[in-house]
Amino acid sequence: MLPLAARRFAARLVRAQSPFLRHASTKPKAKQSVRSSIAKAFTEPAPPVLARYPVIYKPLQVLIYGTGAALAYHIWCEYFFTLSLAEGISMSPTMNATGDWLLLSKRYRRGRGIEVGDIVSFKHPVDEGTYGVKRVVGMPGDFVLRDSPDTSGMMIQVSSCNGQDNDMARELIYIIQIPEGHCYVVGDNLKFSRDSRMFGPLPLGLVKAKVIGKFSTLYEYAWSSLPDDGLKPALSHENEDVD
């Protein structure tokens, strides 16, 4: 026969396991809302170690939550989407000189998925610390005109010269092939744009984002997608008679 203490322990164990023998006041806890959870996080007592130093515990708690919020904001702006204010007339009339907020998608950073006709934001290769917004008119392997209309001056980018003098080659070459890992960007407002016609093909590694829309606040608060670029491939005239 079991001792009295063992019998009492077995009886308590049976009552604890049986739902019908539980105390009537025992009820499942209700789910807490997000607001109540946040409020509880700031009002709950400190751990035993930090409870001795209440002056340090509260600032430390604010620092931890603030660091988490700043990290989340950085990740969102660096790898997802961000807004940027448009400045300058180089992309007129597609974008206003002032008052346009551009929605940038960081999914296309470093030139991933960029195609001819896209408008990209990039780190300027010449003016350190600034960013530019231009339209892509050529990708690696494409042939483009060295001198676009309404521009003067010569670009230094020169293909293989086969031993010829570089100065002579610059005079002879009017079409260049965009090297691997680069793209050719030009502003829509050709007369007032500093682009690849001046600093050459842009490295794809400098592309930070693609412009996918704009929010205009100059005349009215309106969201709009960017208009069609209208770019078309060059037509072949090999079979046509030339006068």
Protein backbone atom coordinates (compact mmCIF):
# COMPACT_ATOMS: atom_id res chain seq x y z
CA MET A 1 0.00 0.00 0.00
CA LEU A 2 1.26 3.47 -0.98
CA PRO A 3 2.24 5.91 1.74
CA LEU A 4 -0.15 8.76 2.53
CA ALA A 5 2.10 11.39 0.93
CA ALA A 6 2.30 9.42 -2.33
CA ARG A 7 -1.50 9.01 -2.45
CA ARG A 8 -2.00 12.76 -1.97
CA PHE A 9 0.50 13.57 -4.72
CA ALA A 10 -1.25 11.15 -7.13
CA ALA A 11 -4.63 12.73 -6.35
CA ARG A 12 -3.32 16.21 -7.06
CA LEU A 13 -1.77 15.05 -10.33
CA VAL A 14 -5.09 13.53 -11.48
CA ARG A 15 -7.01 16.72 -10.66
CA ALA A 16 -4.46 18.84 -12.52
CA GLN A 17 -4.66 16.70 -15.67
CA SER A 18 -8.47 16.40 -15.80
CA PRO A 19 -10.28 19.42 -17.35
CA PHE A 20 -13.41 18.61 -15.35
CA LEU A 21 -11.61 18.88 -12.01
CA ARG A 22 -9.96 22.20 -12.66
CA HIS A 23 -10.98 25.20 -10.65
CA ALA A 24 -13.90 27.11 -12.09
CA SER A 25 -11.97 30.35 -12.15
CA THR A 26 -9.31 28.96 -14.49
CA LYS A 27 -9.92 30.46 -17.99
CA PRO A 28 -7.75 30.71 -21.09
CA LYS A 29 -6.04 34.06 -21.50
CA ALA A 30 -7.45 36.34 -24.17
CA LYS A 31 -5.23 37.38 -27.08
CA GLN A 32 -3.61 40.75 -26.56
CA SER A 33 -3.82 43.48 -29.18
CA VAL A 34 -0.76 45.07 -30.75
CA ARG A 35 -1.32 48.29 -28.83
CA SER A 36 -1.60 46.52 -25.50
CA SER A 37 1.52 44.48 -26.29
CA ILE A 38 3.52 47.65 -27.01
CA ALA A 39 2.16 49.34 -23.88
CA LYS A 40 3.05 46.28 -21.81
CA ALA A 41 6.59 46.31 -23.25
CA PHE A 42 7.14 49.80 -21.86
CA THR A 43 5.35 49.26 -18.54
CA GLU A 44 6.47 45.78 -17.59
CA PRO A 45 9.00 45.61 -14.77
CA ALA A 46 12.65 45.55 -15.64
CA PRO A 47 14.71 42.34 -15.44
CA PRO A 48 16.18 41.68 -12.02
CA VAL A 49 19.62 42.91 -13.06
CA LEU A 50 18.37 46.23 -14.50
CA ALA A 51 15.72 46.74 -11.83
CA ARG A 52 18.42 48.11 -9.59
CA TYR A 53 19.14 50.88 -12.12
CA PRO A 54 15.80 52.39 -13.29
CA VAL A 55 17.56 55.49 -14.62
CA ILE A 56 19.46 53.36 -17.13
CA TYR A 57 16.70 50.88 -18.01
CA LYS A 58 14.21 53.31 -19.63
CA PRO A 59 16.74 55.11 -21.88
CA LEU A 60 18.21 51.76 -22.88
CA GLN A 61 14.75 50.49 -23.81
CA VAL A 62 14.07 53.58 -25.95
CA LEU A 63 17.48 53.20 -27.61
CA ILE A 64 16.80 49.56 -28.54
CA TYR A 65 13.37 50.30 -30.06
CA GLY A 66 14.68 53.40 -31.83
CA THR A 67 17.58 51.49 -33.34
CA GLY A 68 15.20 48.81 -34.61
CA ALA A 69 12.94 51.42 -36.25
CA ALA A 70 15.89 53.18 -37.89
CA LEU A 71 17.24 49.88 -39.20
CA ALA A 72 13.85 48.97 -40.67
CA TYR A 73 13.60 52.38 -42.36
CA HIS A 74 17.11 52.03 -43.81
CA ILE A 75 16.37 48.57 -45.23
CA TRP A 76 13.11 49.80 -46.80
CA CYS A 77 14.72 52.82 -48.49
CA GLU A 78 17.87 50.96 -49.55
CA TYR A 79 16.32 47.80 -51.01
CA PHE A 80 12.65 48.57 -51.77
CA PHE A 81 11.26 52.05 -52.50
CA THR A 82 12.05 55.68 -51.74
CA LEU A 83 11.00 59.20 -52.78
CA SER A 84 13.29 61.83 -54.24
CA LEU A 85 12.67 65.45 -55.24
CA ALA A 86 13.35 66.28 -58.91
CA GLU A 87 15.56 69.29 -59.59
CA GLY A 88 16.76 70.80 -62.86
CA ILE A 89 15.46 71.03 -66.43
CA SER A 90 17.47 68.26 -68.07
CA MET A 91 14.44 65.90 -68.12
CA SER A 92 11.86 68.49 -69.19
CA PRO A 93 9.04 68.09 -70.25
CA THR A 94 8.85 64.57 -68.76
CA MET A 95 9.58 66.05 -65.33
CA ASN A 96 9.08 69.56 -64.04
CA ALA A 97 12.12 71.53 -62.95
CA THR A 98 10.69 71.79 -59.42
CA GLY A 99 7.75 70.34 -57.54
CA ASP A 100 7.92 66.72 -58.74
CA TRP A 101 8.54 63.87 -56.30
CA LEU A 102 9.90 60.74 -57.98
CA LEU A 103 9.09 57.22 -56.81
CA LEU A 104 12.28 55.16 -57.10
CA SER A 105 12.39 51.37 -57.12
CA LYS A 106 15.62 49.99 -55.67
CA ARG A 107 14.88 46.60 -57.25
CA TYR A 108 16.80 47.83 -60.31
CA ARG A 109 19.93 48.98 -58.49
CA ARG A 110 23.25 48.23 -60.21
CA GLY A 111 21.38 48.06 -63.52
CA ARG A 112 19.47 44.82 -62.86
CA GLY A 113 16.52 44.58 -65.25
CA ILE A 114 17.18 47.99 -66.85
CA GLU A 115 16.09 48.32 -70.49
CA VAL A 116 16.36 50.96 -73.20
CA GLY A 117 13.83 53.73 -72.52
CA ASP A 118 13.89 53.41 -68.71
CA ILE A 119 14.59 56.48 -66.57
CA VAL A 120 17.20 55.75 -63.93
CA SER A 121 18.70 57.50 -60.94
CA PHE A 122 22.46 57.15 -60.70
CA LYS A 123 25.46 58.38 -58.79
CA HIS A 124 27.15 61.00 -60.94
CA PRO A 125 30.49 59.70 -62.29
CA VAL A 126 32.07 63.18 -62.50
CA ASP A 127 30.38 65.43 -59.93
CA GLU A 128 31.17 63.61 -56.69
CA GLY A 129 28.41 63.43 -54.10
CA THR A 130 25.53 64.22 -56.48
CA TYR A 131 22.93 62.09 -58.25
CA GLY A 132 21.41 62.38 -61.71
CA VAL A 133 18.23 61.23 -63.44
CA LYS A 134 18.44 60.42 -67.16
CA ARG A 135 16.91 58.13 -69.76
CA VAL A 136 18.71 55.00 -70.94
CA VAL A 137 19.18 54.98 -74.73
CA GLY A 138 21.72 52.16 -75.00
CA MET A 139 22.76 48.98 -73.19
CA PRO A 140 25.96 46.90 -73.35
CA GLY A 141 26.75 45.91 -76.94
CA ASP A 142 24.46 48.54 -78.52
CA PHE A 143 25.77 51.03 -81.05
CA VAL A 144 24.94 54.70 -80.46
CA LEU A 145 25.82 57.98 -82.11
CA ARG A 146 28.72 59.68 -80.42
CA ASP A 147 27.29 63.18 -81.01
CA SER A 148 23.54 63.52 -80.54
CA PRO A 149 21.67 66.47 -82.07
CA ASP A 150 21.81 69.86 -80.40
CA THR A 151 25.16 69.28 -78.77
CA SER A 152 28.72 70.29 -79.39
CA GLY A 153 32.04 68.88 -78.35
CA MET A 154 33.47 65.41 -78.68
CA MET A 155 33.34 62.42 -76.40
CA ILE A 156 36.63 60.78 -75.42
CA GLN A 157 35.30 57.20 -75.61
CA VAL A 158 37.18 55.56 -78.52
CA SER A 159 37.00 51.95 -79.69
CA SER A 160 39.95 49.93 -80.97
CA CYS A 161 42.07 52.03 -83.31
CA ASN A 162 44.19 49.24 -84.83
CA GLY A 163 47.37 51.21 -84.27
CA GLN A 164 46.10 54.45 -85.80
CA ASP A 165 46.73 57.75 -84.15
CA ASN A 166 44.15 58.51 -81.45
CA ASP A 167 43.48 62.04 -82.70
CA MET A 168 42.75 60.73 -86.17
CA ALA A 169 40.55 57.99 -84.75
CA ARG A 170 38.46 60.52 -82.85
CA GLU A 171 37.78 62.34 -86.11
CA LEU A 172 36.84 59.17 -87.97
CA ILE A 173 34.65 57.40 -85.42
CA TYR A 174 31.10 58.71 -85.14
CA ILE A 175 29.37 55.60 -83.81
CA ILE A 176 30.57 53.80 -80.70
CA GLN A 177 29.68 50.47 -79.16
CA ILE A 178 28.74 50.57 -75.50
CA PRO A 179 31.21 48.42 -73.52
CA GLU A 180 30.17 45.58 -71.25
CA GLY A 181 28.91 46.66 -67.85
CA HIS A 182 27.89 50.15 -69.05
CA CYS A 183 24.84 51.96 -70.39
CA TYR A 184 24.30 55.19 -72.33
CA VAL A 185 22.11 57.82 -70.67
CA VAL A 186 20.76 61.06 -72.16
CA GLY A 187 18.40 63.73 -70.83
CA ASP A 188 15.09 64.36 -72.58
CA ASN A 189 15.94 68.07 -72.81
CA LEU A 190 18.97 67.66 -75.07
CA LYS A 191 20.04 71.31 -75.10
CA PHE A 192 20.30 71.53 -71.31
CA SER A 193 21.52 68.12 -70.24
CA ARG A 194 24.95 66.90 -69.18
CA ASP A 195 24.93 63.18 -69.83
CA SER A 196 26.82 60.39 -71.60
CA ARG A 197 27.52 62.73 -74.50
CA MET A 198 29.92 64.51 -72.13
CA PHE A 199 31.15 61.90 -69.62
CA GLY A 200 30.81 58.74 -71.75
CA PRO A 201 28.99 55.46 -71.04
CA LEU A 202 27.77 55.15 -67.46
CA PRO A 203 28.88 52.10 -65.40
CA LEU A 204 25.86 50.02 -64.41
CA GLY A 205 27.29 49.79 -60.90
CA LEU A 206 26.44 53.49 -60.41
CA VAL A 207 22.73 52.97 -61.14
CA LYS A 208 20.85 53.29 -57.85
CA ALA A 209 17.20 52.94 -58.86
CA LYS A 210 14.61 53.13 -61.62
CA VAL A 211 12.00 55.90 -61.72
CA ILE A 212 8.57 54.24 -61.86
CA GLY A 213 6.32 57.25 -61.28
CA LYS A 214 6.06 60.85 -60.11
CA PHE A 215 3.94 62.83 -57.69
CA SER A 216 3.42 66.42 -58.85
CA THR A 217 2.81 69.18 -56.30
CA LEU A 218 3.56 72.22 -58.48
CA TYR A 219 0.11 72.78 -59.97
CA GLU A 220 -1.95 70.01 -58.40
CA TYR A 221 -1.56 67.01 -56.16
CA ALA A 222 -1.66 64.20 -58.70
CA TRP A 223 0.05 60.86 -59.14
CA SER A 224 0.99 59.81 -62.67
CA SER A 225 3.07 57.17 -64.36
CA LEU A 226 5.81 58.23 -66.74
CA PRO A 227 4.85 58.71 -70.41
CA ASP A 228 6.05 56.43 -73.18
CA ASP A 229 9.62 57.20 -74.20
CA GLY A 230 8.87 56.82 -77.91
CA LEU A 231 12.23 55.20 -78.64
CA LYS A 232 12.28 52.90 -81.66
CA PRO A 233 15.03 50.70 -83.14
CA ALA A 234 16.96 52.05 -86.08
CA LEU A 235 15.60 50.96 -89.48
CA SER A 236 17.80 49.29 -92.04
CA HIS A 237 18.11 51.04 -95.41
CA GLU A 238 20.37 48.52 -97.10
CA ASN A 239 17.79 47.66 -99.78
CA GLU A 240 16.71 51.26 -100.44
CA ASP A 241 18.12 53.46 -103.17
CA VAL A 242 20.06 56.46 -102.00
CA ASP A 243 19.78 59.62 -104.07
